[in-house]
Amino acid sequence: MTVEVWDPSYRHSEVPLSQLPDVYRSIPSDASLGLTLDDGEDDCVIVTVEPEFSTVTALRDRTFYNLQLVDDPEQVEIMVAGEEIHWPKGCILPRETGIQVLLEAADRDQMWSRHTWVEQ
């Protein structure tokens, strides 16, 4: 798993998925965290963790999908790693949700069936 941290300087590392809980606990709550499982593969999972929220994006069959908690496609501005982007409001998740989903990602079929995904 690729770990990227902006606190405020950038750090990059590779760790096994099993170390994710320790990595998450070690990051200050005001830092931005980017996590990618199977980076560069056709079945990767990308999680951003910000102080107030998280997002989860998955690549499957050459298509990107966002995890959605609420059916609200309205685009809102959010800050991710210090950059402003537009994101569907229903796909902005509680901070801990991104980590929980990433821990489920070892079994992609179960991850896909347990959550609602919308095409980007």
PDB file of N, CA and C in Angstrom:
ATOM      1  N   MET A   1       0.850  -1.157   0.000  1.00  0.00           N
ATOM      2  CA  MET A   1       0.000   0.000   0.000  1.00  0.00           C
ATOM      3  C   MET A   1       0.904   1.230   0.000  1.00  0.00           C
ATOM      4  N   THR A   2       0.538   2.190  -0.836  1.00  0.00           N
ATOM      5  CA  THR A   2       1.259   3.447  -0.901  1.00  0.00           C
ATOM      6  C   THR A   2       0.646   4.423   0.093  1.00  0.00           C
ATOM      7  N   VAL A   3       1.483   5.074   0.874  1.00  0.00           N
ATOM      8  CA  VAL A   3       1.034   6.056   1.860  1.00  0.00           C
ATOM      9  C   VAL A   3       1.672   7.388   1.506  1.00  0.00           C
ATOM     10  N   GLU A   4       0.839   8.417   1.360  1.00  0.00           N
ATOM     11  CA  GLU A   4       1.317   9.774   1.119  1.00  0.00           C
ATOM     12  C   GLU A   4       0.738  10.665   2.209  1.00  0.00           C
ATOM     13  N   VAL A   5       1.579  11.486   2.810  1.00  0.00           N
ATOM     14  CA  VAL A   5       1.160  12.351   3.903  1.00  0.00           C
ATOM     15  C   VAL A   5       1.598  13.774   3.594  1.00  0.00           C
ATOM     16  N   TRP A   6       0.680  14.726   3.814  1.00  0.00           N
ATOM     17  CA  TRP A   6       0.979  16.155   3.705  1.00  0.00           C
ATOM     18  C   TRP A   6       0.764  16.743   5.089  1.00  0.00           C
ATOM     19  N   ASP A   7       1.867  17.115   5.777  1.00  0.00           N
ATOM     20  CA  ASP A   7       1.759  17.527   7.176  1.00  0.00           C
ATOM     21  C   ASP A   7       2.802  18.564   7.577  1.00  0.00           C
ATOM     22  N   PRO A   8       3.013  19.689   7.118  1.00  0.00           N
ATOM     23  CA  PRO A   8       2.599  20.200   5.816  1.00  0.00           C
ATOM     24  C   PRO A   8       3.523  19.749   4.695  1.00  0.00           C
ATOM     25  N   SER A   9       4.701  19.189   5.038  1.00  0.00           N
ATOM     26  CA  SER A   9       5.580  18.695   3.978  1.00  0.00           C
ATOM     27  C   SER A   9       5.103  17.312   3.516  1.00  0.00           C
ATOM     28  N   TYR A  10       5.564  16.905   2.363  1.00  0.00           N
ATOM     29  CA  TYR A  10       5.147  15.651   1.743  1.00  0.00           C
ATOM     30  C   TYR A  10       6.069  14.512   2.156  1.00  0.00           C
ATOM     31  N   ARG A  11       5.450  13.378   2.512  1.00  0.00           N
ATOM     32  CA  ARG A  11       6.184  12.142   2.793  1.00  0.00           C
ATOM     33  C   ARG A  11       5.523  11.001   2.034  1.00  0.00           C
ATOM     34  N   HIS A  12       6.316  10.058   1.569  1.00  0.00           N
ATOM     35  CA  HIS A  12       5.822   8.926   0.789  1.00  0.00           C
ATOM     36  C   HIS A  12       6.449   7.651   1.338  1.00  0.00           C
ATOM     37  N   SER A  13       5.643   6.596   1.467  1.00  0.00           N
ATOM     38  CA  SER A  13       6.182   5.308   1.907  1.00  0.00           C
ATOM     39  C   SER A  13       5.317   4.177   1.369  1.00  0.00           C
ATOM     40  N   GLU A  14       5.849   2.985   1.470  1.00  0.00           N
ATOM     41  CA  GLU A  14       5.123   1.761   1.107  1.00  0.00           C
ATOM     42  C   GLU A  14       5.053   0.889   2.353  1.00  0.00           C
ATOM     43  N   VAL A  15       3.837   0.436   2.699  1.00  0.00           N
ATOM     44  CA  VAL A  15       3.659  -0.428   3.867  1.00  0.00           C
ATOM     45  C   VAL A  15       2.647  -1.523   3.533  1.00  0.00           C
ATOM     46  N   PRO A  16       2.707  -2.644   4.234  1.00  0.00           N
ATOM     47  CA  PRO A  16       1.687  -3.676   4.036  1.00  0.00           C
ATOM     48  C   PRO A  16       0.330  -3.186   4.573  1.00  0.00           C
ATOM     49  N   LEU A  17      -0.745  -3.656   3.976  1.00  0.00           N
ATOM     50  CA  LEU A  17      -2.094  -3.278   4.412  1.00  0.00           C
ATOM     51  C   LEU A  17      -2.300  -3.585   5.895  1.00  0.00           C
ATOM     52  N   SER A  18      -1.670  -4.613   6.389  1.00  0.00           N
ATOM     53  CA  SER A  18      -1.825  -4.989   7.801  1.00  0.00           C
ATOM     54  C   SER A  18      -1.343  -3.889   8.752  1.00  0.00           C
ATOM     55  N   GLN A  19      -0.484  -2.987   8.277  1.00  0.00           N
ATOM     56  CA  GLN A  19       0.015  -1.903   9.120  1.00  0.00           C
ATOM     57  C   GLN A  19      -0.852  -0.650   9.063  1.00  0.00           C
ATOM     58  N   LEU A  20      -1.928  -0.677   8.272  1.00  0.00           N
ATOM     59  CA  LEU A  20      -2.770   0.504   8.112  1.00  0.00           C
ATOM     60  C   LEU A  20      -3.273   1.078   9.435  1.00  0.00           C
ATOM     61  N   PRO A  21      -3.788   0.295  10.368  1.00  0.00           N
ATOM     62  CA  PRO A  21      -4.247   0.894  11.632  1.00  0.00           C
ATOM     63  C   PRO A  21      -3.144   1.664  12.364  1.00  0.00           C
ATOM     64  N   ASP A  22      -1.925   1.135  12.369  1.00  0.00           N
ATOM     65  CA  ASP A  22      -0.815   1.827  13.027  1.00  0.00           C
ATOM     66  C   ASP A  22      -0.445   3.108  12.284  1.00  0.00           C
ATOM     67  N   VAL A  23      -0.432   3.045  10.957  1.00  0.00           N
ATOM     68  CA  VAL A  23      -0.124   4.229  10.159  1.00  0.00           C
ATOM     69  C   VAL A  23      -1.165   5.310  10.429  1.00  0.00           C
ATOM     70  N   TYR A  24      -2.431   4.931  10.409  1.00  0.00           N
ATOM     71  CA  TYR A  24      -3.519   5.894  10.624  1.00  0.00           C
ATOM     72  C   TYR A  24      -3.397   6.556  11.997  1.00  0.00           C
ATOM     73  N   ARG A  25      -3.117   5.770  13.029  1.00  0.00           N
ATOM     74  CA  ARG A  25      -2.979   6.322  14.382  1.00  0.00           C
ATOM     75  C   ARG A  25      -1.777   7.257  14.500  1.00  0.00           C
ATOM     76  N   SER A  26      -0.758   7.045  13.677  1.00  0.00           N
ATOM     77  CA  SER A  26       0.453   7.849  13.782  1.00  0.00           C
ATOM     78  C   SER A  26       0.350   9.198  13.065  1.00  0.00           C
ATOM     79  N   ILE A  27      -0.673   9.394  12.260  1.00  0.00           N
ATOM     80  CA  ILE A  27      -0.814  10.624  11.481  1.00  0.00           C
ATOM     81  C   ILE A  27      -1.583  11.654  12.308  1.00  0.00           C
ATOM     82  N   PRO A  28      -1.081  12.876  12.416  1.00  0.00           N
ATOM     83  CA  PRO A  28      -1.822  13.921  13.144  1.00  0.00           C
ATOM     84  C   PRO A  28      -3.214  14.131  12.534  1.00  0.00           C
ATOM     85  N   SER A  29      -4.172  14.452  13.370  1.00  0.00           N
ATOM     86  CA  SER A  29      -5.553  14.590  12.900  1.00  0.00           C
ATOM     87  C   SER A  29      -5.749  15.750  11.942  1.00  0.00           C
ATOM     88  N   ASP A  30      -4.794  16.669  11.860  1.00  0.00           N
ATOM     89  CA  ASP A  30      -4.936  17.781  10.924  1.00  0.00           C
ATOM     90  C   ASP A  30      -4.136  17.571   9.636  1.00  0.00           C
ATOM     91  N   ALA A  31      -3.569  16.387   9.451  1.00  0.00           N
ATOM     92  CA  ALA A  31      -2.789  16.082   8.248  1.00  0.00           C
ATOM     93  C   ALA A  31      -3.696  15.533   7.154  1.00  0.00           C
ATOM     94  N   SER A  32      -3.238  15.646   5.922  1.00  0.00           N
ATOM     95  CA  SER A  32      -3.893  15.016   4.778  1.00  0.00           C
ATOM     96  C   SER A  32      -3.168  13.711   4.486  1.00  0.00           C
ATOM     97  N   LEU A  33      -3.949  12.675   4.226  1.00  0.00           N
ATOM     98  CA  LEU A  33      -3.390  11.346   4.032  1.00  0.00           C
ATOM     99  C   LEU A  33      -3.959  10.761   2.745  1.00  0.00           C
ATOM    100  N   GLY A  34      -3.089  10.268   1.881  1.00  0.00           N
ATOM    101  CA  GLY A  34      -3.509   9.567   0.676  1.00  0.00           C
ATOM    102  C   GLY A  34      -3.029   8.134   0.754  1.00  0.00           C
ATOM    103  N   LEU A  35      -3.930   7.185   0.523  1.00  0.00           N
ATOM    104  CA  LEU A  35      -3.604   5.765   0.603  1.00  0.00           C
ATOM    105  C   LEU A  35      -4.051   5.088  -0.688  1.00  0.00           C
ATOM    106  N   THR A  36      -3.168   4.320  -1.281  1.00  0.00           N
ATOM    107  CA  THR A  36      -3.519   3.609  -2.512  1.00  0.00           C
ATOM    108  C   THR A  36      -3.126   2.148  -2.366  1.00  0.00           C
ATOM    109  N   LEU A  37      -4.101   1.287  -2.518  1.00  0.00           N
ATOM    110  CA  LEU A  37      -3.874  -0.150  -2.470  1.00  0.00           C
ATOM    111  C   LEU A  37      -3.781  -0.658  -3.903  1.00  0.00           C
ATOM    112  N   ASP A  38      -2.693  -1.341  -4.217  1.00  0.00           N
ATOM    113  CA  ASP A  38      -2.442  -1.880  -5.552  1.00  0.00           C
ATOM    114  C   ASP A  38      -2.338  -0.778  -6.594  1.00  0.00           C
ATOM    115  N   ASP A  39      -1.533   0.230  -6.276  1.00  0.00           N
ATOM    116  CA  ASP A  39      -1.301   1.363  -7.169  1.00  0.00           C
ATOM    117  C   ASP A  39      -0.832   0.867  -8.540  1.00  0.00           C
ATOM    118  N   GLY A  40      -1.437   1.395  -9.585  1.00  0.00           N
ATOM    119  CA  GLY A  40      -1.065   1.024 -10.942  1.00  0.00           C
ATOM    120  C   GLY A  40      -1.767  -0.212 -11.468  1.00  0.00           C
ATOM    121  N   GLU A  41      -2.541  -0.864 -10.641  1.00  0.00           N
ATOM    122  CA  GLU A  41      -3.268  -2.059 -11.066  1.00  0.00           C
ATOM    123  C   GLU A  41      -4.683  -1.679 -11.509  1.00  0.00           C
ATOM    124  N   ASP A  42      -5.358  -2.570 -12.236  1.00  0.00           N
ATOM    125  CA  ASP A  42      -6.706  -2.294 -12.721  1.00  0.00           C
ATOM    126  C   ASP A  42      -7.765  -2.450 -11.626  1.00  0.00           C
ATOM    127  N   ASP A  43      -7.369  -2.862 -10.463  1.00  0.00           N
ATOM    128  CA  ASP A  43      -8.326  -3.074  -9.374  1.00  0.00           C
ATOM    129  C   ASP A  43      -7.812  -2.368  -8.123  1.00  0.00           C
ATOM    130  N   CYS A  44      -7.398  -1.095  -8.271  1.00  0.00           N
ATOM    131  CA  CYS A  44      -6.833  -0.378  -7.132  1.00  0.00           C
ATOM    132  C   CYS A  44      -7.924   0.350  -6.343  1.00  0.00           C
ATOM    133  N   VAL A  45      -7.578   0.695  -5.123  1.00  0.00           N
ATOM    134  CA  VAL A  45      -8.474   1.448  -4.239  1.00  0.00           C
ATOM    135  C   VAL A  45      -7.684   2.653  -3.726  1.00  0.00           C
ATOM    136  N   ILE A  46      -8.286   3.832  -3.864  1.00  0.00           N
ATOM    137  CA  ILE A  46      -7.635   5.083  -3.483  1.00  0.00           C
ATOM    138  C   ILE A  46      -8.468   5.760  -2.397  1.00  0.00           C
ATOM    139  N   VAL A  47      -7.837   6.061  -1.282  1.00  0.00           N
ATOM    140  CA  VAL A  47      -8.521   6.693  -0.159  1.00  0.00           C
ATOM    141  C   VAL A  47      -7.809   7.997   0.171  1.00  0.00           C
ATOM    142  N   THR A  48      -8.572   9.056   0.335  1.00  0.00           N
ATOM    143  CA  THR A  48      -8.025  10.292   0.881  1.00  0.00           C
ATOM    144  C   THR A  48      -8.649  10.491   2.250  1.00  0.00           C
ATOM    145  N   VAL A  49      -7.832  10.922   3.180  1.00  0.00           N
ATOM    146  CA  VAL A  49      -8.311  11.197   4.535  1.00  0.00           C
ATOM    147  C   VAL A  49      -7.895  12.624   4.866  1.00  0.00           C
ATOM    148  N   GLU A  50      -8.870  13.439   5.131  1.00  0.00           N
ATOM    149  CA  GLU A  50      -8.661  14.831   5.502  1.00  0.00           C
ATOM    150  C   GLU A  50      -9.133  15.007   6.943  1.00  0.00           C
ATOM    151  N   PRO A  51      -8.846  16.140   7.564  1.00  0.00           N
ATOM    152  CA  PRO A  51      -9.249  16.319   8.959  1.00  0.00           C
ATOM    153  C   PRO A  51     -10.748  16.138   9.213  1.00  0.00           C
ATOM    154  N   GLU A  52     -11.594  16.492   8.254  1.00  0.00           N
ATOM    155  CA  GLU A  52     -13.044  16.458   8.477  1.00  0.00           C
ATOM    156  C   GLU A  52     -13.787  15.387   7.689  1.00  0.00           C
ATOM    157  N   PHE A  53     -13.122  14.693   6.759  1.00  0.00           N
ATOM    158  CA  PHE A  53     -13.832  13.739   5.901  1.00  0.00           C
ATOM    159  C   PHE A  53     -12.835  12.797   5.239  1.00  0.00           C
ATOM    160  N   SER A  54     -13.373  11.833   4.491  1.00  0.00           N
ATOM    161  CA  SER A  54     -12.560  10.979   3.634  1.00  0.00           C
ATOM    162  C   SER A  54     -13.313  10.754   2.327  1.00  0.00           C
ATOM    163  N   THR A  55     -12.598  10.246   1.330  1.00  0.00           N
ATOM    164  CA  THR A  55     -13.202   9.831   0.069  1.00  0.00           C
ATOM    165  C   THR A  55     -12.606   8.482  -0.304  1.00  0.00           C
ATOM    166  N   VAL A  56     -13.373   7.686  -1.028  1.00  0.00           N
ATOM    167  CA  VAL A  56     -12.886   6.394  -1.506  1.00  0.00           C
ATOM    168  C   VAL A  56     -13.214   6.288  -2.992  1.00  0.00           C
ATOM    169  N   THR A  57     -12.196   5.991  -3.774  1.00  0.00           N
ATOM    170  CA  THR A  57     -12.356   5.774  -5.204  1.00  0.00           C
ATOM    171  C   THR A  57     -11.760   4.415  -5.531  1.00  0.00           C
ATOM    172  N   ALA A  58     -12.443   3.673  -6.388  1.00  0.00           N
ATOM    173  CA  ALA A  58     -11.937   2.366  -6.796  1.00  0.00           C
ATOM    174  C   ALA A  58     -11.930   2.288  -8.318  1.00  0.00           C
ATOM    175  N   LEU A  59     -10.909   1.667  -8.838  1.00  0.00           N
ATOM    176  CA  LEU A  59     -10.809   1.414 -10.268  1.00  0.00           C
ATOM    177  C   LEU A  59     -11.184  -0.038 -10.492  1.00  0.00           C
ATOM    178  N   ARG A  60     -12.160  -0.225 -11.363  1.00  0.00           N
ATOM    179  CA  ARG A  60     -12.606  -1.588 -11.672  1.00  0.00           C
ATOM    180  C   ARG A  60     -12.992  -1.646 -13.139  1.00  0.00           C
ATOM    181  N   ASP A  61     -12.437  -2.604 -13.840  1.00  0.00           N
ATOM    182  CA  ASP A  61     -12.718  -2.767 -15.270  1.00  0.00           C
ATOM    183  C   ASP A  61     -12.516  -1.459 -16.029  1.00  0.00           C
ATOM    184  N   ARG A  62     -11.406  -0.784 -15.728  1.00  0.00           N
ATOM    185  CA  ARG A  62     -11.001   0.455 -16.397  1.00  0.00           C
ATOM    186  C   ARG A  62     -11.952   1.625 -16.171  1.00  0.00           C
ATOM    187  N   THR A  63     -12.742   1.554 -15.129  1.00  0.00           N
ATOM    188  CA  THR A  63     -13.670   2.636 -14.790  1.00  0.00           C
ATOM    189  C   THR A  63     -13.484   2.997 -13.324  1.00  0.00           C
ATOM    190  N   PHE A  64     -13.457   4.315 -13.039  1.00  0.00           N
ATOM    191  CA  PHE A  64     -13.352   4.777 -11.660  1.00  0.00           C
ATOM    192  C   PHE A  64     -14.751   4.939 -11.058  1.00  0.00           C
ATOM    193  N   TYR A  65     -14.866   4.518  -9.803  1.00  0.00           N
ATOM    194  CA  TYR A  65     -16.112   4.630  -9.049  1.00  0.00           C
ATOM    195  C   TYR A  65     -15.821   5.286  -7.707  1.00  0.00           C
ATOM    196  N   ASN A  66     -16.780   6.075  -7.232  1.00  0.00           N
ATOM    197  CA  ASN A  66     -16.696   6.663  -5.895  1.00  0.00           C
ATOM    198  C   ASN A  66     -17.651   5.929  -4.974  1.00  0.00           C
ATOM    199  N   LEU A  67     -17.216   5.725  -3.745  1.00  0.00           N
ATOM    200  CA  LEU A  67     -18.111   5.183  -2.733  1.00  0.00           C
ATOM    201  C   LEU A  67     -19.109   6.276  -2.372  1.00  0.00           C
ATOM    202  N   GLN A  68     -20.373   5.916  -2.329  1.00  0.00           N
ATOM    203  CA  GLN A  68     -21.434   6.888  -2.058  1.00  0.00           C
ATOM    204  C   GLN A  68     -22.243   6.450  -0.841  1.00  0.00           C
ATOM    205  N   LEU A  69     -22.426   7.359   0.111  1.00  0.00           N
ATOM    206  CA  LEU A  69     -23.261   7.069   1.277  1.00  0.00           C
ATOM    207  C   LEU A  69     -24.674   7.589   1.093  1.00  0.00           C
ATOM    208  N   VAL A  70     -24.807   8.716   0.379  1.00  0.00           N
ATOM    209  CA  VAL A  70     -26.106   9.371   0.194  1.00  0.00           C
ATOM    210  C   VAL A  70     -26.252   9.698  -1.286  1.00  0.00           C
ATOM    211  N   ASP A  71     -27.442   9.537  -1.816  1.00  0.00           N
ATOM    212  CA  ASP A  71     -27.686   9.859  -3.225  1.00  0.00           C
ATOM    213  C   ASP A  71     -27.826  11.365  -3.383  1.00  0.00           C
ATOM    214  N   ASP A  72     -26.679  12.039  -3.494  1.00  0.00           N
ATOM    215  CA  ASP A  72     -26.644  13.487  -3.676  1.00  0.00           C
ATOM    216  C   ASP A  72     -25.482  13.811  -4.614  1.00  0.00           C
ATOM    217  N   PRO A  73     -25.760  13.949  -5.927  1.00  0.00           N
ATOM    218  CA  PRO A  73     -24.697  14.180  -6.895  1.00  0.00           C
ATOM    219  C   PRO A  73     -24.201  15.623  -6.979  1.00  0.00           C
ATOM    220  N   GLU A  74     -24.790  16.539  -6.188  1.00  0.00           N
ATOM    221  CA  GLU A  74     -24.362  17.944  -6.243  1.00  0.00           C
ATOM    222  C   GLU A  74     -22.862  18.025  -6.002  1.00  0.00           C
ATOM    223  N   GLN A  75     -22.175  18.761  -6.865  1.00  0.00           N
ATOM    224  CA  GLN A  75     -20.732  18.952  -6.741  1.00  0.00           C
ATOM    225  C   GLN A  75     -20.448  20.063  -5.729  1.00  0.00           C
ATOM    226  N   VAL A  76     -19.559  19.783  -4.789  1.00  0.00           N
ATOM    227  CA  VAL A  76     -19.150  20.778  -3.804  1.00  0.00           C
ATOM    228  C   VAL A  76     -17.624  20.874  -3.837  1.00  0.00           C
ATOM    229  N   GLU A  77     -17.105  21.997  -3.391  1.00  0.00           N
ATOM    230  CA  GLU A  77     -15.660  22.185  -3.331  1.00  0.00           C
ATOM    231  C   GLU A  77     -15.127  21.627  -2.020  1.00  0.00           C
ATOM    232  N   ILE A  78     -14.068  20.838  -2.133  1.00  0.00           N
ATOM    233  CA  ILE A  78     -13.388  20.316  -0.955  1.00  0.00           C
ATOM    234  C   ILE A  78     -11.890  20.521  -1.150  1.00  0.00           C
ATOM    235  N   MET A  79     -11.165  20.520  -0.055  1.00  0.00           N
ATOM    236  CA  MET A  79      -9.703  20.616  -0.095  1.00  0.00           C
ATOM    237  C   MET A  79      -9.121  19.223   0.130  1.00  0.00           C
ATOM    238  N   VAL A  80      -8.318  18.767  -0.815  1.00  0.00           N
ATOM    239  CA  VAL A  80      -7.647  17.473  -0.713  1.00  0.00           C
ATOM    240  C   VAL A  80      -6.164  17.710  -0.932  1.00  0.00           C
ATOM    241  N   ALA A  81      -5.373  17.399   0.069  1.00  0.00           N
ATOM    242  CA  ALA A  81      -3.914  17.588   0.021  1.00  0.00           C
ATOM    243  C   ALA A  81      -3.566  19.018  -0.366  1.00  0.00           C
ATOM    244  N   GLY A  82      -4.331  19.958   0.164  1.00  0.00           N
ATOM    245  CA  GLY A  82      -4.063  21.371  -0.071  1.00  0.00           C
ATOM    246  C   GLY A  82      -4.558  21.913  -1.400  1.00  0.00           C
ATOM    247  N   GLU A  83      -5.255  21.086  -2.176  1.00  0.00           N
ATOM    248  CA  GLU A  83      -5.785  21.535  -3.462  1.00  0.00           C
ATOM    249  C   GLU A  83      -7.308  21.475  -3.445  1.00  0.00           C
ATOM    250  N   GLU A  84      -7.925  22.483  -4.038  1.00  0.00           N
ATOM    251  CA  GLU A  84      -9.375  22.548  -4.112  1.00  0.00           C
ATOM    252  C   GLU A  84      -9.862  21.718  -5.300  1.00  0.00           C
ATOM    253  N   ILE A  85     -10.811  20.814  -5.038  1.00  0.00           N
ATOM    254  CA  ILE A  85     -11.401  20.006  -6.106  1.00  0.00           C
ATOM    255  C   ILE A  85     -12.912  19.998  -5.925  1.00  0.00           C
ATOM    256  N   HIS A  86     -13.635  19.560  -6.948  1.00  0.00           N
ATOM    257  CA  HIS A  86     -15.084  19.392  -6.870  1.00  0.00           C
ATOM    258  C   HIS A  86     -15.364  17.904  -6.696  1.00  0.00           C
ATOM    259  N   TRP A  87     -16.304  17.598  -5.793  1.00  0.00           N
ATOM    260  CA  TRP A  87     -16.590  16.205  -5.458  1.00  0.00           C
ATOM    261  C   TRP A  87     -18.084  16.069  -5.208  1.00  0.00           C
ATOM    262  N   PRO A  88     -18.696  14.947  -5.579  1.00  0.00           N
ATOM    263  CA  PRO A  88     -20.120  14.762  -5.293  1.00  0.00           C
ATOM    264  C   PRO A  88     -20.375  14.765  -3.781  1.00  0.00           C
ATOM    265  N   LYS A  89     -21.348  15.545  -3.377  1.00  0.00           N
ATOM    266  CA  LYS A  89     -21.654  15.698  -1.945  1.00  0.00           C
ATOM    267  C   LYS A  89     -21.956  14.353  -1.276  1.00  0.00           C
ATOM    268  N   GLY A  90     -22.665  13.466  -1.968  1.00  0.00           N
ATOM    269  CA  GLY A  90     -23.013  12.162  -1.402  1.00  0.00           C
ATOM    270  C   GLY A  90     -21.840  11.213  -1.272  1.00  0.00           C
ATOM    271  N   CYS A  91     -20.687  11.599  -1.812  1.00  0.00           N
ATOM    272  CA  CYS A  91     -19.486  10.761  -1.763  1.00  0.00           C
ATOM    273  C   CYS A  91     -18.448  11.302  -0.784  1.00  0.00           C
ATOM    274  N   ILE A  92     -18.835  12.294  -0.013  1.00  0.00           N
ATOM    275  CA  ILE A  92     -17.959  12.792   1.054  1.00  0.00           C
ATOM    276  C   ILE A  92     -18.309  11.993   2.303  1.00  0.00           C
ATOM    277  N   LEU A  93     -17.350  11.290   2.829  1.00  0.00           N
ATOM    278  CA  LEU A  93     -17.565  10.283   3.867  1.00  0.00           C
ATOM    279  C   LEU A  93     -16.999  10.739   5.205  1.00  0.00           C
ATOM    280  N   PRO A  94     -17.491  10.166   6.297  1.00  0.00           N
ATOM    281  CA  PRO A  94     -16.849  10.418   7.594  1.00  0.00           C
ATOM    282  C   PRO A  94     -15.371  10.014   7.522  1.00  0.00           C
ATOM    283  N   ARG A  95     -14.554  10.682   8.271  1.00  0.00           N
ATOM    284  CA  ARG A  95     -13.096  10.475   8.235  1.00  0.00           C
ATOM    285  C   ARG A  95     -12.713   8.999   8.376  1.00  0.00           C
ATOM    286  N   GLU A  96     -13.311   8.285   9.290  1.00  0.00           N
ATOM    287  CA  GLU A  96     -12.928   6.895   9.558  1.00  0.00           C
ATOM    288  C   GLU A  96     -13.407   5.930   8.479  1.00  0.00           C
ATOM    289  N   THR A  97     -14.412   6.313   7.683  1.00  0.00           N
ATOM    290  CA  THR A  97     -14.979   5.401   6.698  1.00  0.00           C
ATOM    291  C   THR A  97     -13.947   4.973   5.665  1.00  0.00           C
ATOM    292  N   GLY A  98     -13.128   5.905   5.201  1.00  0.00           N
ATOM    293  CA  GLY A  98     -12.119   5.546   4.203  1.00  0.00           C
ATOM    294  C   GLY A  98     -11.188   4.456   4.690  1.00  0.00           C
ATOM    295  N   ILE A  99     -10.763   4.562   5.926  1.00  0.00           N
ATOM    296  CA  ILE A  99      -9.862   3.548   6.503  1.00  0.00           C
ATOM    297  C   ILE A  99     -10.583   2.214   6.626  1.00  0.00           C
ATOM    298  N   GLN A 100     -11.826   2.227   7.090  1.00  0.00           N
ATOM    299  CA  GLN A 100     -12.591   0.989   7.242  1.00  0.00           C
ATOM    300  C   GLN A 100     -12.755   0.278   5.908  1.00  0.00           C
ATOM    301  N   VAL A 101     -13.082   1.027   4.865  1.00  0.00           N
ATOM    302  CA  VAL A 101     -13.262   0.421   3.549  1.00  0.00           C
ATOM    303  C   VAL A 101     -11.939  -0.120   3.021  1.00  0.00           C
ATOM    304  N   LEU A 102     -10.866   0.597   3.226  1.00  0.00           N
ATOM    305  CA  LEU A 102      -9.565   0.112   2.763  1.00  0.00           C
ATOM    306  C   LEU A 102      -9.189  -1.192   3.454  1.00  0.00           C
ATOM    307  N   LEU A 103      -9.513  -1.320   4.716  1.00  0.00           N
ATOM    308  CA  LEU A 103      -9.241  -2.579   5.416  1.00  0.00           C
ATOM    309  C   LEU A 103     -10.072  -3.731   4.848  1.00  0.00           C
ATOM    310  N   GLU A 104     -11.246  -3.439   4.298  1.00  0.00           N
ATOM    311  CA  GLU A 104     -12.082  -4.459   3.657  1.00  0.00           C
ATOM    312  C   GLU A 104     -11.571  -4.820   2.271  1.00  0.00           C
ATOM    313  N   ALA A 105     -10.727  -3.981   1.696  1.00  0.00           N
ATOM    314  CA  ALA A 105     -10.359  -4.097   0.287  1.00  0.00           C
ATOM    315  C   ALA A 105      -9.523  -5.319  -0.047  1.00  0.00           C
ATOM    316  N   ALA A 106      -9.034  -6.029   0.938  1.00  0.00           N
ATOM    317  CA  ALA A 106      -8.320  -7.270   0.646  1.00  0.00           C
ATOM    318  C   ALA A 106      -9.243  -8.253  -0.066  1.00  0.00           C
ATOM    319  N   ASP A 107     -10.533  -8.180   0.227  1.00  0.00           N
ATOM    320  CA  ASP A 107     -11.555  -8.993  -0.460  1.00  0.00           C
ATOM    321  C   ASP A 107     -12.409  -8.036  -1.289  1.00  0.00           C
ATOM    322  N   ARG A 108     -11.961  -7.771  -2.523  1.00  0.00           N
ATOM    323  CA  ARG A 108     -12.624  -6.771  -3.360  1.00  0.00           C
ATOM    324  C   ARG A 108     -14.097  -7.092  -3.617  1.00  0.00           C
ATOM    325  N   ASP A 109     -14.421  -8.366  -3.838  1.00  0.00           N
ATOM    326  CA  ASP A 109     -15.825  -8.713  -4.113  1.00  0.00           C
ATOM    327  C   ASP A 109     -16.717  -8.341  -2.939  1.00  0.00           C
ATOM    328  N   GLN A 110     -16.265  -8.627  -1.735  1.00  0.00           N
ATOM    329  CA  GLN A 110     -17.044  -8.264  -0.557  1.00  0.00           C
ATOM    330  C   GLN A 110     -17.126  -6.747  -0.418  1.00  0.00           C
ATOM    331  N   MET A 111     -16.021  -6.040  -0.676  1.00  0.00           N
ATOM    332  CA  MET A 111     -16.022  -4.580  -0.600  1.00  0.00           C
ATOM    333  C   MET A 111     -17.043  -4.003  -1.573  1.00  0.00           C
ATOM    334  N   TRP A 112     -17.081  -4.525  -2.791  1.00  0.00           N
ATOM    335  CA  TRP A 112     -18.029  -4.026  -3.792  1.00  0.00           C
ATOM    336  C   TRP A 112     -19.470  -4.301  -3.395  1.00  0.00           C
ATOM    337  N   SER A 113     -19.730  -5.451  -2.827  1.00  0.00           N
ATOM    338  CA  SER A 113     -21.117  -5.809  -2.495  1.00  0.00           C
ATOM    339  C   SER A 113     -21.628  -5.111  -1.232  1.00  0.00           C
ATOM    340  N   ARG A 114     -20.746  -4.700  -0.343  1.00  0.00           N
ATOM    341  CA  ARG A 114     -21.166  -4.080   0.923  1.00  0.00           C
ATOM    342  C   ARG A 114     -21.471  -2.601   0.796  1.00  0.00           C
ATOM    343  N   HIS A 115     -21.063  -1.974  -0.312  1.00  0.00           N
ATOM    344  CA  HIS A 115     -21.177  -0.526  -0.431  1.00  0.00           C
ATOM    345  C   HIS A 115     -21.842  -0.123  -1.736  1.00  0.00           C
ATOM    346  N   THR A 116     -22.260   1.124  -1.810  1.00  0.00           N
ATOM    347  CA  THR A 116     -22.838   1.674  -3.029  1.00  0.00           C
ATOM    348  C   THR A 116     -21.743   2.443  -3.766  1.00  0.00           C
ATOM    349  N   TRP A 117     -21.585   2.156  -5.039  1.00  0.00           N
ATOM    350  CA  TRP A 117     -20.556   2.773  -5.863  1.00  0.00           C
ATOM    351  C   TRP A 117     -21.209   3.500  -7.030  1.00  0.00           C
ATOM    352  N   VAL A 118     -20.716   4.683  -7.351  1.00  0.00           N
ATOM    353  CA  VAL A 118     -21.218   5.436  -8.500  1.00  0.00           C
ATOM    354  C   VAL A 118     -20.052   5.762  -9.413  1.00  0.00           C
ATOM    355  N   GLU A 119     -20.315   5.670 -10.709  1.00  0.00           N
ATOM    356  CA  GLU A 119     -19.277   5.940 -11.687  1.00  0.00           C
ATOM    357  C   GLU A 119     -18.889   7.405 -11.648  1.00  0.00           C
ATOM    358  N   GLN A 120     -17.596   7.665 -11.774  1.00  0.00           N
ATOM    359  CA  GLN A 120     -17.116   9.057 -11.798  1.00  0.00           C
ATOM    360  C   GLN A 120     -17.494   9.724 -13.087  1.00  0.00           C
TER     361      GLN A 120
END
